[in-house]
PDB file of N, CA and C in Angstrom:
ATOM      1  N   MET A   1     -13.359 -16.655 -25.728  1.00  0.00           N
ATOM      2  CA  MET A   1     -12.834 -16.347 -24.406  1.00  0.00           C
ATOM      3  C   MET A   1     -13.715 -15.293 -23.756  1.00  0.00           C
ATOM      4  N   ALA A   2     -14.026 -15.512 -22.468  1.00  0.00           N
ATOM      5  CA  ALA A   2     -14.897 -14.645 -21.721  1.00  0.00           C
ATOM      6  C   ALA A   2     -14.150 -13.355 -21.360  1.00  0.00           C
ATOM      7  N   SER A   3     -14.912 -12.255 -21.437  1.00  0.00           N
ATOM      8  CA  SER A   3     -14.288 -10.968 -21.084  1.00  0.00           C
ATOM      9  C   SER A   3     -14.195 -10.852 -19.556  1.00  0.00           C
ATOM     10  N   LEU A   4     -13.380  -9.876 -19.112  1.00  0.00           N
ATOM     11  CA  LEU A   4     -13.207  -9.693 -17.675  1.00  0.00           C
ATOM     12  C   LEU A   4     -14.550  -9.317 -17.002  1.00  0.00           C
ATOM     13  N   PHE A   5     -15.422  -8.599 -17.751  1.00  0.00           N
ATOM     14  CA  PHE A   5     -16.708  -8.194 -17.214  1.00  0.00           C
ATOM     15  C   PHE A   5     -17.619  -9.389 -17.002  1.00  0.00           C
ATOM     16  N   GLU A   6     -17.430 -10.434 -17.711  1.00  0.00           N
ATOM     17  CA  GLU A   6     -18.213 -11.649 -17.520  1.00  0.00           C
ATOM     18  C   GLU A   6     -17.742 -12.499 -16.360  1.00  0.00           C
ATOM     19  N   ILE A   7     -16.428 -12.460 -16.123  1.00  0.00           N
ATOM     20  CA  ILE A   7     -15.826 -13.240 -15.074  1.00  0.00           C
ATOM     21  C   ILE A   7     -16.030 -12.681 -13.662  1.00  0.00           C
ATOM     22  N   LEU A   8     -15.819 -11.359 -13.559  1.00  0.00           N
ATOM     23  CA  LEU A   8     -15.913 -10.718 -12.279  1.00  0.00           C
ATOM     24  C   LEU A   8     -17.181  -9.856 -12.166  1.00  0.00           C
ATOM     25  N   PRO A   9     -17.850  -9.894 -11.071  1.00  0.00           N
ATOM     26  CA  PRO A   9     -18.991  -8.947 -10.915  1.00  0.00           C
ATOM     27  C   PRO A   9     -18.563  -7.532 -10.977  1.00  0.00           C
ATOM     28  N   LEU A  10     -19.413  -6.627 -11.359  1.00  0.00           N
ATOM     29  CA  LEU A  10     -19.115  -5.193 -11.493  1.00  0.00           C
ATOM     30  C   LEU A  10     -18.566  -4.612 -10.149  1.00  0.00           C
ATOM     31  N   ALA A  11     -19.164  -5.014  -9.027  1.00  0.00           N
ATOM     32  CA  ALA A  11     -18.712  -4.511  -7.700  1.00  0.00           C
ATOM     33  C   ALA A  11     -17.240  -4.883  -7.515  1.00  0.00           C
ATOM     34  N   MET A  12     -16.890  -6.092  -7.856  1.00  0.00           N
ATOM     35  CA  MET A  12     -15.479  -6.499  -7.683  1.00  0.00           C
ATOM     36  C   MET A  12     -14.550  -5.755  -8.548  1.00  0.00           C
ATOM     37  N   LEU A  13     -14.987  -5.435  -9.798  1.00  0.00           N
ATOM     38  CA  LEU A  13     -14.158  -4.639 -10.672  1.00  0.00           C
ATOM     39  C   LEU A  13     -13.891  -3.235 -10.049  1.00  0.00           C
ATOM     40  N   THR A  14     -14.937  -2.735  -9.444  1.00  0.00           N
ATOM     41  CA  THR A  14     -14.849  -1.441  -8.792  1.00  0.00           C
ATOM     42  C   THR A  14     -13.809  -1.466  -7.655  1.00  0.00           C
ATOM     43  N   ILE A  15     -13.906  -2.421  -6.728  1.00  0.00           N
ATOM     44  CA  ILE A  15     -12.978  -2.469  -5.653  1.00  0.00           C
ATOM     45  C   ILE A  15     -11.541  -2.817  -6.089  1.00  0.00           C
ATOM     46  N   VAL A  16     -11.441  -3.641  -7.121  1.00  0.00           N
ATOM     47  CA  VAL A  16     -10.136  -3.935  -7.694  1.00  0.00           C
ATOM     48  C   VAL A  16      -9.475  -2.654  -8.288  1.00  0.00           C
ATOM     49  N   ALA A  17     -10.282  -1.907  -8.934  1.00  0.00           N
ATOM     50  CA  ALA A  17      -9.806  -0.652  -9.495  1.00  0.00           C
ATOM     51  C   ALA A  17      -9.385   0.338  -8.418  1.00  0.00           C
ATOM     52  N   VAL A  18     -10.170   0.391  -7.387  1.00  0.00           N
ATOM     53  CA  VAL A  18      -9.853   1.300  -6.220  1.00  0.00           C
ATOM     54  C   VAL A  18      -8.534   0.844  -5.579  1.00  0.00           C
ATOM     55  N   ILE A  19      -8.430  -0.443  -5.320  1.00  0.00           N
ATOM     56  CA  ILE A  19      -7.223  -0.969  -4.690  1.00  0.00           C
ATOM     57  C   ILE A  19      -5.994  -0.747  -5.589  1.00  0.00           C
ATOM     58  N   LYS A  20      -6.134  -0.945  -6.847  1.00  0.00           N
ATOM     59  CA  LYS A  20      -5.062  -0.787  -7.811  1.00  0.00           C
ATOM     60  C   LYS A  20      -4.520   0.671  -7.781  1.00  0.00           C
ATOM     61  N   VAL A  21      -5.446   1.628  -7.826  1.00  0.00           N
ATOM     62  CA  VAL A  21      -5.055   3.016  -7.789  1.00  0.00           C
ATOM     63  C   VAL A  21      -4.441   3.374  -6.420  1.00  0.00           C
ATOM     64  N   TYR A  22      -5.078   2.858  -5.340  1.00  0.00           N
ATOM     65  CA  TYR A  22      -4.547   3.125  -3.996  1.00  0.00           C
ATOM     66  C   TYR A  22      -3.123   2.606  -3.807  1.00  0.00           C
ATOM     67  N   TYR A  23      -2.873   1.354  -4.263  1.00  0.00           N
ATOM     68  CA  TYR A  23      -1.521   0.791  -4.141  1.00  0.00           C
ATOM     69  C   TYR A  23      -0.491   1.633  -4.877  1.00  0.00           C
ATOM     70  N   VAL A  24      -0.856   2.116  -6.025  1.00  0.00           N
ATOM     71  CA  VAL A  24       0.111   2.957  -6.839  1.00  0.00           C
ATOM     72  C   VAL A  24       0.329   4.286  -6.068  1.00  0.00           C
ATOM     73  N   LEU A  25      -0.725   4.902  -5.584  1.00  0.00           N
ATOM     74  CA  LEU A  25      -0.555   6.156  -4.848  1.00  0.00           C
ATOM     75  C   LEU A  25       0.240   5.932  -3.593  1.00  0.00           C
ATOM     76  N   PHE A  26      -0.064   4.888  -2.861  1.00  0.00           N
ATOM     77  CA  PHE A  26       0.638   4.541  -1.591  1.00  0.00           C
ATOM     78  C   PHE A  26       2.118   4.244  -1.936  1.00  0.00           C
ATOM     79  N   ALA A  27       2.398   3.526  -3.035  1.00  0.00           N
ATOM     80  CA  ALA A  27       3.789   3.186  -3.458  1.00  0.00           C
ATOM     81  C   ALA A  27       4.522   4.511  -3.700  1.00  0.00           C
ATOM     82  N   PHE A  28       3.911   5.382  -4.436  1.00  0.00           N
ATOM     83  CA  PHE A  28       4.594   6.642  -4.824  1.00  0.00           C
ATOM     84  C   PHE A  28       4.949   7.461  -3.580  1.00  0.00           C
ATOM     85  N   LEU A  29       3.969   7.601  -2.637  1.00  0.00           N
ATOM     86  CA  LEU A  29       4.262   8.368  -1.434  1.00  0.00           C
ATOM     87  C   LEU A  29       5.274   7.684  -0.517  1.00  0.00           C
ATOM     88  N   THR A  30       5.290   6.379  -0.542  1.00  0.00           N
ATOM     89  CA  THR A  30       6.305   5.590   0.249  1.00  0.00           C
ATOM     90  C   THR A  30       7.687   5.816  -0.289  1.00  0.00           C
ATOM     91  N   ILE A  31       7.828   5.721  -1.616  1.00  0.00           N
ATOM     92  CA  ILE A  31       9.154   5.901  -2.213  1.00  0.00           C
ATOM     93  C   ILE A  31       9.578   7.379  -1.994  1.00  0.00           C
ATOM     94  N   VAL A  32       8.732   8.337  -2.242  1.00  0.00           N
ATOM     95  CA  VAL A  32       9.092   9.728  -2.023  1.00  0.00           C
ATOM     96  C   VAL A  32       9.507   9.970  -0.563  1.00  0.00           C
ATOM     97  N   GLY A  33       8.796   9.346   0.385  1.00  0.00           N
ATOM     98  CA  GLY A  33       9.105   9.438   1.781  1.00  0.00           C
ATOM     99  C   GLY A  33      10.464   8.869   2.088  1.00  0.00           C
ATOM    100  N   GLY A  34      10.760   7.771   1.472  1.00  0.00           N
ATOM    101  CA  GLY A  34      12.113   7.201   1.659  1.00  0.00           C
ATOM    102  C   GLY A  34      13.206   8.060   1.139  1.00  0.00           C
ATOM    103  N   VAL A  35      12.963   8.682   0.009  1.00  0.00           N
ATOM    104  CA  VAL A  35      13.976   9.565  -0.598  1.00  0.00           C
ATOM    105  C   VAL A  35      14.117  10.844   0.290  1.00  0.00           C
ATOM    106  N   ILE A  36      13.043  11.352   0.791  1.00  0.00           N
ATOM    107  CA  ILE A  36      13.097  12.546   1.661  1.00  0.00           C
ATOM    108  C   ILE A  36      13.844  12.183   2.976  1.00  0.00           C
ATOM    109  N   GLY A  37      13.552  10.995   3.510  1.00  0.00           N
ATOM    110  CA  GLY A  37      14.239  10.562   4.694  1.00  0.00           C
ATOM    111  C   GLY A  37      15.768  10.444   4.496  1.00  0.00           C
ATOM    112  N   TYR A  38      16.123  10.044   3.312  1.00  0.00           N
ATOM    113  CA  TYR A  38      17.538   9.885   2.978  1.00  0.00           C
ATOM    114  C   TYR A  38      18.169  11.306   2.865  1.00  0.00           C
ATOM    115  N   LEU A  39      17.498  12.196   2.120  1.00  0.00           N
ATOM    116  CA  LEU A  39      18.021  13.526   1.896  1.00  0.00           C
ATOM    117  C   LEU A  39      18.110  14.374   3.188  1.00  0.00           C
ATOM    118  N   LYS A  40      17.182  14.220   4.076  1.00  0.00           N
ATOM    119  CA  LYS A  40      17.094  15.058   5.289  1.00  0.00           C
ATOM    120  C   LYS A  40      18.032  14.452   6.374  1.00  0.00           C
ATOM    121  N   ALA A  41      18.050  13.127   6.548  1.00  0.00           N
ATOM    122  CA  ALA A  41      18.721  12.494   7.645  1.00  0.00           C
ATOM    123  C   ALA A  41      19.880  11.549   7.256  1.00  0.00           C
ATOM    124  N   LYS A  42      20.092  11.511   5.899  1.00  0.00           N
ATOM    125  CA  LYS A  42      21.089  10.573   5.343  1.00  0.00           C
ATOM    126  C   LYS A  42      20.785   9.150   5.830  1.00  0.00           C
ATOM    127  N   SER A  43      19.494   8.827   5.938  1.00  0.00           N
ATOM    128  CA  SER A  43      19.073   7.511   6.389  1.00  0.00           C
ATOM    129  C   SER A  43      18.955   6.544   5.164  1.00  0.00           C
ATOM    130  N   VAL A  44      19.952   5.660   5.068  1.00  0.00           N
ATOM    131  CA  VAL A  44      19.925   4.705   4.003  1.00  0.00           C
ATOM    132  C   VAL A  44      18.766   3.683   4.223  1.00  0.00           C
ATOM    133  N   VAL A  45      18.447   3.434   5.514  1.00  0.00           N
ATOM    134  CA  VAL A  45      17.364   2.547   5.864  1.00  0.00           C
ATOM    135  C   VAL A  45      16.065   3.084   5.324  1.00  0.00           C
ATOM    136  N   SER A  46      15.810   4.396   5.452  1.00  0.00           N
ATOM    137  CA  SER A  46      14.616   4.998   4.934  1.00  0.00           C
ATOM    138  C   SER A  46      14.531   4.876   3.405  1.00  0.00           C
ATOM    139  N   LEU A  47      15.626   5.098   2.732  1.00  0.00           N
ATOM    140  CA  LEU A  47      15.696   4.979   1.282  1.00  0.00           C
ATOM    141  C   LEU A  47      15.394   3.529   0.847  1.00  0.00           C
ATOM    142  N   LEU A  48      16.073   2.543   1.496  1.00  0.00           N
ATOM    143  CA  LEU A  48      15.830   1.143   1.101  1.00  0.00           C
ATOM    144  C   LEU A  48      14.421   0.692   1.442  1.00  0.00           C
ATOM    145  N   SER A  49      14.007   0.920   2.643  1.00  0.00           N
ATOM    146  CA  SER A  49      12.713   0.451   3.049  1.00  0.00           C
ATOM    147  C   SER A  49      11.549   1.119   2.259  1.00  0.00           C
ATOM    148  N   GLY A  50      11.658   2.433   1.957  1.00  0.00           N
ATOM    149  CA  GLY A  50      10.728   3.110   1.200  1.00  0.00           C
ATOM    150  C   GLY A  50      10.674   2.620  -0.264  1.00  0.00           C
ATOM    151  N   SER A  51      11.857   2.366  -0.800  1.00  0.00           N
ATOM    152  CA  SER A  51      11.923   1.829  -2.187  1.00  0.00           C
ATOM    153  C   SER A  51      11.384   0.428  -2.308  1.00  0.00           C
ATOM    154  N   ILE A  52      11.789  -0.421  -1.369  1.00  0.00           N
ATOM    155  CA  ILE A  52      11.363  -1.801  -1.422  1.00  0.00           C
ATOM    156  C   ILE A  52       9.860  -1.913  -1.220  1.00  0.00           C
ATOM    157  N   SER A  53       9.342  -1.182  -0.208  1.00  0.00           N
ATOM    158  CA  SER A  53       7.912  -1.130   0.012  1.00  0.00           C
ATOM    159  C   SER A  53       7.116  -0.622  -1.191  1.00  0.00           C
ATOM    160  N   GLY A  54       7.650   0.428  -1.789  1.00  0.00           N
ATOM    161  CA  GLY A  54       6.969   1.002  -2.954  1.00  0.00           C
ATOM    162  C   GLY A  54       6.958   0.071  -4.165  1.00  0.00           C
ATOM    163  N   VAL A  55       8.087  -0.577  -4.377  1.00  0.00           N
ATOM    164  CA  VAL A  55       8.149  -1.540  -5.523  1.00  0.00           C
ATOM    165  C   VAL A  55       7.183  -2.721  -5.283  1.00  0.00           C
ATOM    166  N   LEU A  56       7.141  -3.225  -4.067  1.00  0.00           N
ATOM    167  CA  LEU A  56       6.185  -4.282  -3.731  1.00  0.00           C
ATOM    168  C   LEU A  56       4.755  -3.858  -3.928  1.00  0.00           C
ATOM    169  N   LEU A  57       4.424  -2.655  -3.547  1.00  0.00           N
ATOM    170  CA  LEU A  57       3.056  -2.128  -3.727  1.00  0.00           C
ATOM    171  C   LEU A  57       2.722  -1.962  -5.245  1.00  0.00           C
ATOM    172  N   ILE A  58       3.717  -1.509  -6.002  1.00  0.00           N
ATOM    173  CA  ILE A  58       3.462  -1.417  -7.460  1.00  0.00           C
ATOM    174  C   ILE A  58       3.307  -2.798  -8.065  1.00  0.00           C
ATOM    175  N   ALA A  59       4.120  -3.769  -7.595  1.00  0.00           N
ATOM    176  CA  ALA A  59       3.988  -5.128  -8.087  1.00  0.00           C
ATOM    177  C   ALA A  59       2.607  -5.656  -7.763  1.00  0.00           C
ATOM    178  N   ALA A  60       2.113  -5.412  -6.541  1.00  0.00           N
ATOM    179  CA  ALA A  60       0.758  -5.839  -6.139  1.00  0.00           C
ATOM    180  C   ALA A  60      -0.299  -5.212  -7.018  1.00  0.00           C
ATOM    181  N   SER A  61      -0.071  -3.946  -7.291  1.00  0.00           N
ATOM    182  CA  SER A  61      -1.084  -3.246  -8.154  1.00  0.00           C
ATOM    183  C   SER A  61      -1.157  -3.893  -9.553  1.00  0.00           C
ATOM    184  N   PHE A  62       0.003  -4.218 -10.101  1.00  0.00           N
ATOM    185  CA  PHE A  62      -0.006  -4.825 -11.433  1.00  0.00           C
ATOM    186  C   PHE A  62      -0.556  -6.254 -11.462  1.00  0.00           C
ATOM    187  N   MET A  63      -0.493  -6.901 -10.332  1.00  0.00           N
ATOM    188  CA  MET A  63      -1.028  -8.272 -10.239  1.00  0.00           C
ATOM    189  C   MET A  63      -2.544  -8.317 -10.236  1.00  0.00           C
ATOM    190  N   LEU A  64      -3.173  -7.208  -9.926  1.00  0.00           N
ATOM    191  CA  LEU A  64      -4.609  -7.181  -9.935  1.00  0.00           C
ATOM    192  C   LEU A  64      -5.115  -6.996 -11.393  1.00  0.00           C
ATOM    193  N   PRO A  65      -6.172  -7.581 -11.777  1.00  0.00           N
ATOM    194  CA  PRO A  65      -6.998  -8.559 -11.178  1.00  0.00           C
ATOM    195  C   PRO A  65      -6.592  -9.994 -11.514  1.00  0.00           C
ATOM    196  N   ALA A  66      -5.448 -10.216 -12.222  1.00  0.00           N
ATOM    197  CA  ALA A  66      -5.081 -11.527 -12.661  1.00  0.00           C
ATOM    198  C   ALA A  66      -4.799 -12.500 -11.479  1.00  0.00           C
ATOM    199  N   ARG A  67      -4.075 -11.972 -10.448  1.00  0.00           N
ATOM    200  CA  ARG A  67      -3.767 -12.772  -9.242  1.00  0.00           C
ATOM    201  C   ARG A  67      -4.134 -11.982  -7.988  1.00  0.00           C
ATOM    202  N   PRO A  68      -5.424 -11.811  -7.755  1.00  0.00           N
ATOM    203  CA  PRO A  68      -5.836 -10.948  -6.655  1.00  0.00           C
ATOM    204  C   PRO A  68      -5.361 -11.433  -5.304  1.00  0.00           C
ATOM    205  N   ILE A  69      -5.408 -12.677  -5.013  1.00  0.00           N
ATOM    206  CA  ILE A  69      -4.996 -13.167  -3.676  1.00  0.00           C
ATOM    207  C   ILE A  69      -3.547 -12.851  -3.409  1.00  0.00           C
ATOM    208  N   ARG A  70      -2.671 -13.176  -4.371  1.00  0.00           N
ATOM    209  CA  ARG A  70      -1.266 -12.869  -4.181  1.00  0.00           C
ATOM    210  C   ARG A  70      -1.040 -11.330  -4.024  1.00  0.00           C
ATOM    211  N   ALA A  71      -1.796 -10.537  -4.827  1.00  0.00           N
ATOM    212  CA  ALA A  71      -1.676  -9.075  -4.719  1.00  0.00           C
ATOM    213  C   ALA A  71      -2.122  -8.583  -3.332  1.00  0.00           C
ATOM    214  N   TYR A  72      -3.243  -9.139  -2.862  1.00  0.00           N
ATOM    215  CA  TYR A  72      -3.757  -8.714  -1.552  1.00  0.00           C
ATOM    216  C   TYR A  72      -2.809  -9.072  -0.436  1.00  0.00           C
ATOM    217  N   ILE A  73      -2.164 -10.270  -0.553  1.00  0.00           N
ATOM    218  CA  ILE A  73      -1.236 -10.711   0.482  1.00  0.00           C
ATOM    219  C   ILE A  73      -0.043  -9.716   0.546  1.00  0.00           C
ATOM    220  N   ILE A  74       0.497  -9.400  -0.640  1.00  0.00           N
ATOM    221  CA  ILE A  74       1.634  -8.449  -0.667  1.00  0.00           C
ATOM    222  C   ILE A  74       1.240  -7.117  -0.156  1.00  0.00           C
ATOM    223  N   GLY A  75       0.121  -6.585  -0.598  1.00  0.00           N
ATOM    224  CA  GLY A  75      -0.343  -5.263  -0.152  1.00  0.00           C
ATOM    225  C   GLY A  75      -0.653  -5.246   1.340  1.00  0.00           C
ATOM    226  N   LEU A  76      -1.235  -6.341   1.850  1.00  0.00           N
ATOM    227  CA  LEU A  76      -1.529  -6.432   3.265  1.00  0.00           C
ATOM    228  C   LEU A  76      -0.265  -6.523   4.106  1.00  0.00           C
ATOM    229  N   LEU A  77       0.658  -7.330   3.713  1.00  0.00           N
ATOM    230  CA  LEU A  77       1.929  -7.432   4.441  1.00  0.00           C
ATOM    231  C   LEU A  77       2.709  -6.129   4.518  1.00  0.00           C
ATOM    232  N   VAL A  78       2.796  -5.447   3.349  1.00  0.00           N
ATOM    233  CA  VAL A  78       3.487  -4.173   3.311  1.00  0.00           C
ATOM    234  C   VAL A  78       2.757  -3.142   4.169  1.00  0.00           C
ATOM    235  N   SER A  79       1.464  -3.102   4.095  1.00  0.00           N
ATOM    236  CA  SER A  79       0.699  -2.178   4.913  1.00  0.00           C
ATOM    237  C   SER A  79       0.838  -2.443   6.427  1.00  0.00           C
ATOM    238  N   ILE A  80       0.826  -3.707   6.786  1.00  0.00           N
ATOM    239  CA  ILE A  80       1.009  -4.101   8.198  1.00  0.00           C
ATOM    240  C   ILE A  80       2.424  -3.694   8.666  1.00  0.00           C
ATOM    241  N   LEU A  81       3.435  -4.012   7.891  1.00  0.00           N
ATOM    242  CA  LEU A  81       4.770  -3.664   8.287  1.00  0.00           C
ATOM    243  C   LEU A  81       4.943  -2.131   8.432  1.00  0.00           C
ATOM    244  N   LEU A  82       4.438  -1.406   7.530  1.00  0.00           N
ATOM    245  CA  LEU A  82       4.548   0.040   7.598  1.00  0.00           C
ATOM    246  C   LEU A  82       3.738   0.632   8.744  1.00  0.00           C
ATOM    247  N   ALA A  83       2.541   0.041   8.972  1.00  0.00           N
ATOM    248  CA  ALA A  83       1.746   0.473  10.140  1.00  0.00           C
ATOM    249  C   ALA A  83       2.426   0.172  11.432  1.00  0.00           C
ATOM    250  N   GLY A  84       3.174  -0.997  11.531  1.00  0.00           N
ATOM    251  CA  GLY A  84       3.916  -1.362  12.676  1.00  0.00           C
ATOM    252  C   GLY A  84       5.005  -0.364  12.978  1.00  0.00           C
ATOM    253  N   LYS A  85       5.526   0.265  11.980  1.00  0.00           N
ATOM    254  CA  LYS A  85       6.592   1.293  12.127  1.00  0.00           C
ATOM    255  C   LYS A  85       6.016   2.656  12.443  1.00  0.00           C
ATOM    256  N   PHE A  86       5.018   3.065  11.661  1.00  0.00           N
ATOM    257  CA  PHE A  86       4.587   4.480  11.694  1.00  0.00           C
ATOM    258  C   PHE A  86       3.449   4.781  12.673  1.00  0.00           C
ATOM    259  N   VAL A  87       2.621   3.833  13.036  1.00  0.00           N
ATOM    260  CA  VAL A  87       1.531   4.116  13.980  1.00  0.00           C
ATOM    261  C   VAL A  87       2.193   4.435  15.388  1.00  0.00           C
ATOM    262  N   PRO A  88       3.086   3.594  15.859  1.00  0.00           N
ATOM    263  CA  PRO A  88       3.738   3.931  17.187  1.00  0.00           C
ATOM    264  C   PRO A  88       4.565   5.243  17.054  1.00  0.00           C
ATOM    265  N   ASP A  89       5.203   5.506  15.924  1.00  0.00           N
ATOM    266  CA  ASP A  89       5.899   6.815  15.760  1.00  0.00           C
ATOM    267  C   ASP A  89       4.964   7.970  15.911  1.00  0.00           C
ATOM    268  N   PHE A  90       3.795   7.855  15.238  1.00  0.00           N
ATOM    269  CA  PHE A  90       2.811   8.971  15.326  1.00  0.00           C
ATOM    270  C   PHE A  90       2.279   9.140  16.714  1.00  0.00           C
ATOM    271  N   ILE A  91       1.988   8.031  17.392  1.00  0.00           N
ATOM    272  CA  ILE A  91       1.481   8.089  18.752  1.00  0.00           C
ATOM    273  C   ILE A  91       2.440   8.811  19.716  1.00  0.00           C
ATOM    274  N   HIS A  92       3.758   8.434  19.584  1.00  0.00           N
ATOM    275  CA  HIS A  92       4.729   9.031  20.411  1.00  0.00           C
ATOM    276  C   HIS A  92       5.179  10.415  20.059  1.00  0.00           C
ATOM    277  N   LYS A  93       5.361  10.696  18.796  1.00  0.00           N
ATOM    278  CA  LYS A  93       5.963  11.959  18.340  1.00  0.00           C
ATOM    279  C   LYS A  93       4.921  13.007  17.968  1.00  0.00           C
ATOM    280  N   LYS A  94       3.647  12.508  17.673  1.00  0.00           N
ATOM    281  CA  LYS A  94       2.565  13.420  17.269  1.00  0.00           C
ATOM    282  C   LYS A  94       2.919  14.223  16.007  1.00  0.00           C
ATOM    283  N   ALA A  95       3.842  13.763  15.231  1.00  0.00           N
ATOM    284  CA  ALA A  95       4.228  14.498  13.980  1.00  0.00           C
ATOM    285  C   ALA A  95       3.300  13.997  12.858  1.00  0.00           C
ATOM    286  N   ILE A  96       2.693  14.984  12.172  1.00  0.00           N
ATOM    287  CA  ILE A  96       1.808  14.671  11.060  1.00  0.00           C
ATOM    288  C   ILE A  96       2.605  14.043   9.889  1.00  0.00           C
ATOM    289  N   VAL A  97       3.775  14.673   9.588  1.00  0.00           N
ATOM    290  CA  VAL A  97       4.626  14.146   8.507  1.00  0.00           C
ATOM    291  C   VAL A  97       5.992  13.750   9.099  1.00  0.00           C
ATOM    292  N   PRO A  98       6.440  12.556   8.892  1.00  0.00           N
ATOM    293  CA  PRO A  98       5.874  11.483   8.041  1.00  0.00           C
ATOM    294  C   PRO A  98       4.980  10.564   8.805  1.00  0.00           C
ATOM    295  N   GLY A  99       5.106  10.519  10.163  1.00  0.00           N
ATOM    296  CA  GLY A  99       4.401   9.512  10.935  1.00  0.00           C
ATOM    297  C   GLY A  99       2.889   9.427  10.723  1.00  0.00           C
ATOM    298  N   GLY A 100       2.210  10.584  10.874  1.00  0.00           N
ATOM    299  CA  GLY A 100       0.799  10.613  10.744  1.00  0.00           C
ATOM    300  C   GLY A 100       0.338  10.202   9.363  1.00  0.00           C
ATOM    301  N   LEU A 101       0.949  10.746   8.347  1.00  0.00           N
ATOM    302  CA  LEU A 101       0.565  10.435   6.973  1.00  0.00           C
ATOM    303  C   LEU A 101       0.799   8.971   6.671  1.00  0.00           C
ATOM    304  N   MET A 102       1.928   8.423   7.030  1.00  0.00           N
ATOM    305  CA  MET A 102       2.238   7.028   6.697  1.00  0.00           C
ATOM    306  C   MET A 102       1.361   6.086   7.519  1.00  0.00           C
ATOM    307  N   ALA A 103       1.093   6.498   8.814  1.00  0.00           N
ATOM    308  CA  ALA A 103       0.221   5.679   9.647  1.00  0.00           C
ATOM    309  C   ALA A 103      -1.190   5.613   9.012  1.00  0.00           C
ATOM    310  N   LEU A 104      -1.674   6.783   8.559  1.00  0.00           N
ATOM    311  CA  LEU A 104      -3.001   6.822   7.946  1.00  0.00           C
ATOM    312  C   LEU A 104      -3.053   5.972   6.657  1.00  0.00           C
ATOM    313  N   LEU A 105      -2.028   6.102   5.822  1.00  0.00           N
ATOM    314  CA  LEU A 105      -1.984   5.391   4.575  1.00  0.00           C
ATOM    315  C   LEU A 105      -1.862   3.870   4.830  1.00  0.00           C
ATOM    316  N   SER A 106      -1.057   3.519   5.840  1.00  0.00           N
ATOM    317  CA  SER A 106      -0.907   2.103   6.124  1.00  0.00           C
ATOM    318  C   SER A 106      -2.191   1.438   6.658  1.00  0.00           C
ATOM    319  N   VAL A 107      -2.864   2.155   7.560  1.00  0.00           N
ATOM    320  CA  VAL A 107      -4.094   1.617   8.140  1.00  0.00           C
ATOM    321  C   VAL A 107      -5.166   1.569   7.032  1.00  0.00           C
ATOM    322  N   ALA A 108      -5.233   2.581   6.162  1.00  0.00           N
ATOM    323  CA  ALA A 108      -6.133   2.570   5.034  1.00  0.00           C
ATOM    324  C   ALA A 108      -5.843   1.390   4.139  1.00  0.00           C
ATOM    325  N   GLY A 109      -4.550   1.137   3.896  1.00  0.00           N
ATOM    326  CA  GLY A 109      -4.180   0.000   3.041  1.00  0.00           C
ATOM    327  C   GLY A 109      -4.646  -1.361   3.673  1.00  0.00           C
ATOM    328  N   ILE A 110      -4.523  -1.481   4.958  1.00  0.00           N
ATOM    329  CA  ILE A 110      -4.996  -2.711   5.656  1.00  0.00           C
ATOM    330  C   ILE A 110      -6.499  -2.818   5.475  1.00  0.00           C
ATOM    331  N   VAL A 111      -7.220  -1.724   5.770  1.00  0.00           N
ATOM    332  CA  VAL A 111      -8.721  -1.817   5.720  1.00  0.00           C
ATOM    333  C   VAL A 111      -9.201  -2.054   4.297  1.00  0.00           C
ATOM    334  N   LEU A 112      -8.660  -1.291   3.309  1.00  0.00           N
ATOM    335  CA  LEU A 112      -9.074  -1.550   1.928  1.00  0.00           C
ATOM    336  C   LEU A 112      -8.764  -2.937   1.443  1.00  0.00           C
ATOM    337  N   THR A 113      -7.626  -3.458   1.784  1.00  0.00           N
ATOM    338  CA  THR A 113      -7.253  -4.771   1.354  1.00  0.00           C
ATOM    339  C   THR A 113      -8.160  -5.821   1.983  1.00  0.00           C
ATOM    340  N   LEU A 114      -8.426  -5.701   3.247  1.00  0.00           N
ATOM    341  CA  LEU A 114      -9.330  -6.650   3.923  1.00  0.00           C
ATOM    342  C   LEU A 114     -10.754  -6.584   3.377  1.00  0.00           C
ATOM    343  N   LEU A 115     -11.200  -5.376   3.117  1.00  0.00           N
ATOM    344  CA  LEU A 115     -12.571  -5.225   2.515  1.00  0.00           C
ATOM    345  C   LEU A 115     -12.615  -5.923   1.141  1.00  0.00           C
ATOM    346  N   ALA A 116     -11.587  -5.703   0.340  1.00  0.00           N
ATOM    347  CA  ALA A 116     -11.581  -6.268  -1.022  1.00  0.00           C
ATOM    348  C   ALA A 116     -11.487  -7.835  -0.877  1.00  0.00           C
ATOM    349  N   TRP A 117     -10.564  -8.306   0.028  1.00  0.00           N
ATOM    350  CA  TRP A 117     -10.350  -9.726   0.184  1.00  0.00           C
ATOM    351  C   TRP A 117     -11.639 -10.424   0.611  1.00  0.00           C
ATOM    352  N   TYR A 118     -12.304  -9.889   1.639  1.00  0.00           N
ATOM    353  CA  TYR A 118     -13.539 -10.525   2.115  1.00  0.00           C
ATOM    354  C   TYR A 118     -14.773 -10.240   1.214  1.00  0.00           C
ATOM    355  N   GLY A 119     -14.625  -9.302   0.325  1.00  0.00           N
ATOM    356  CA  GLY A 119     -15.671  -9.027  -0.640  1.00  0.00           C
ATOM    357  C   GLY A 119     -15.659  -9.924  -1.836  1.00  0.00           C
ATOM    358  N   ARG A 120     -14.624 -10.747  -1.933  1.00  0.00           N
ATOM    359  CA  ARG A 120     -14.517 -11.656  -3.148  1.00  0.00           C
ATOM    360  C   ARG A 120     -15.649 -12.605  -3.218  1.00  0.00           C
TER     361      ARG A 120
END
């Protein structure tokens, strides 16, 4: 059986590793943000959306490198949905936390995922 290093070029392993770590970090911050939103504003929507988004990002992370296309689709969709929520919030409210941070993380998720996808 061929090793992973023989199947994927070294550059792809690097971007896959970066995306994997990024998705886990993004997931952690999204879940924490949802919990903070719930604790501060009693927002059940924040708790649910943060938890669901975080779990999906963790799932995408674990799918790499075995199912990269599926993982990229999940990561891209979650990033786009979160960007759709937080980029306008940041533009209107100018608040660094949570709007600015989540907008930055979401846009970075979109860019990294597209770079990895087109770098295949």
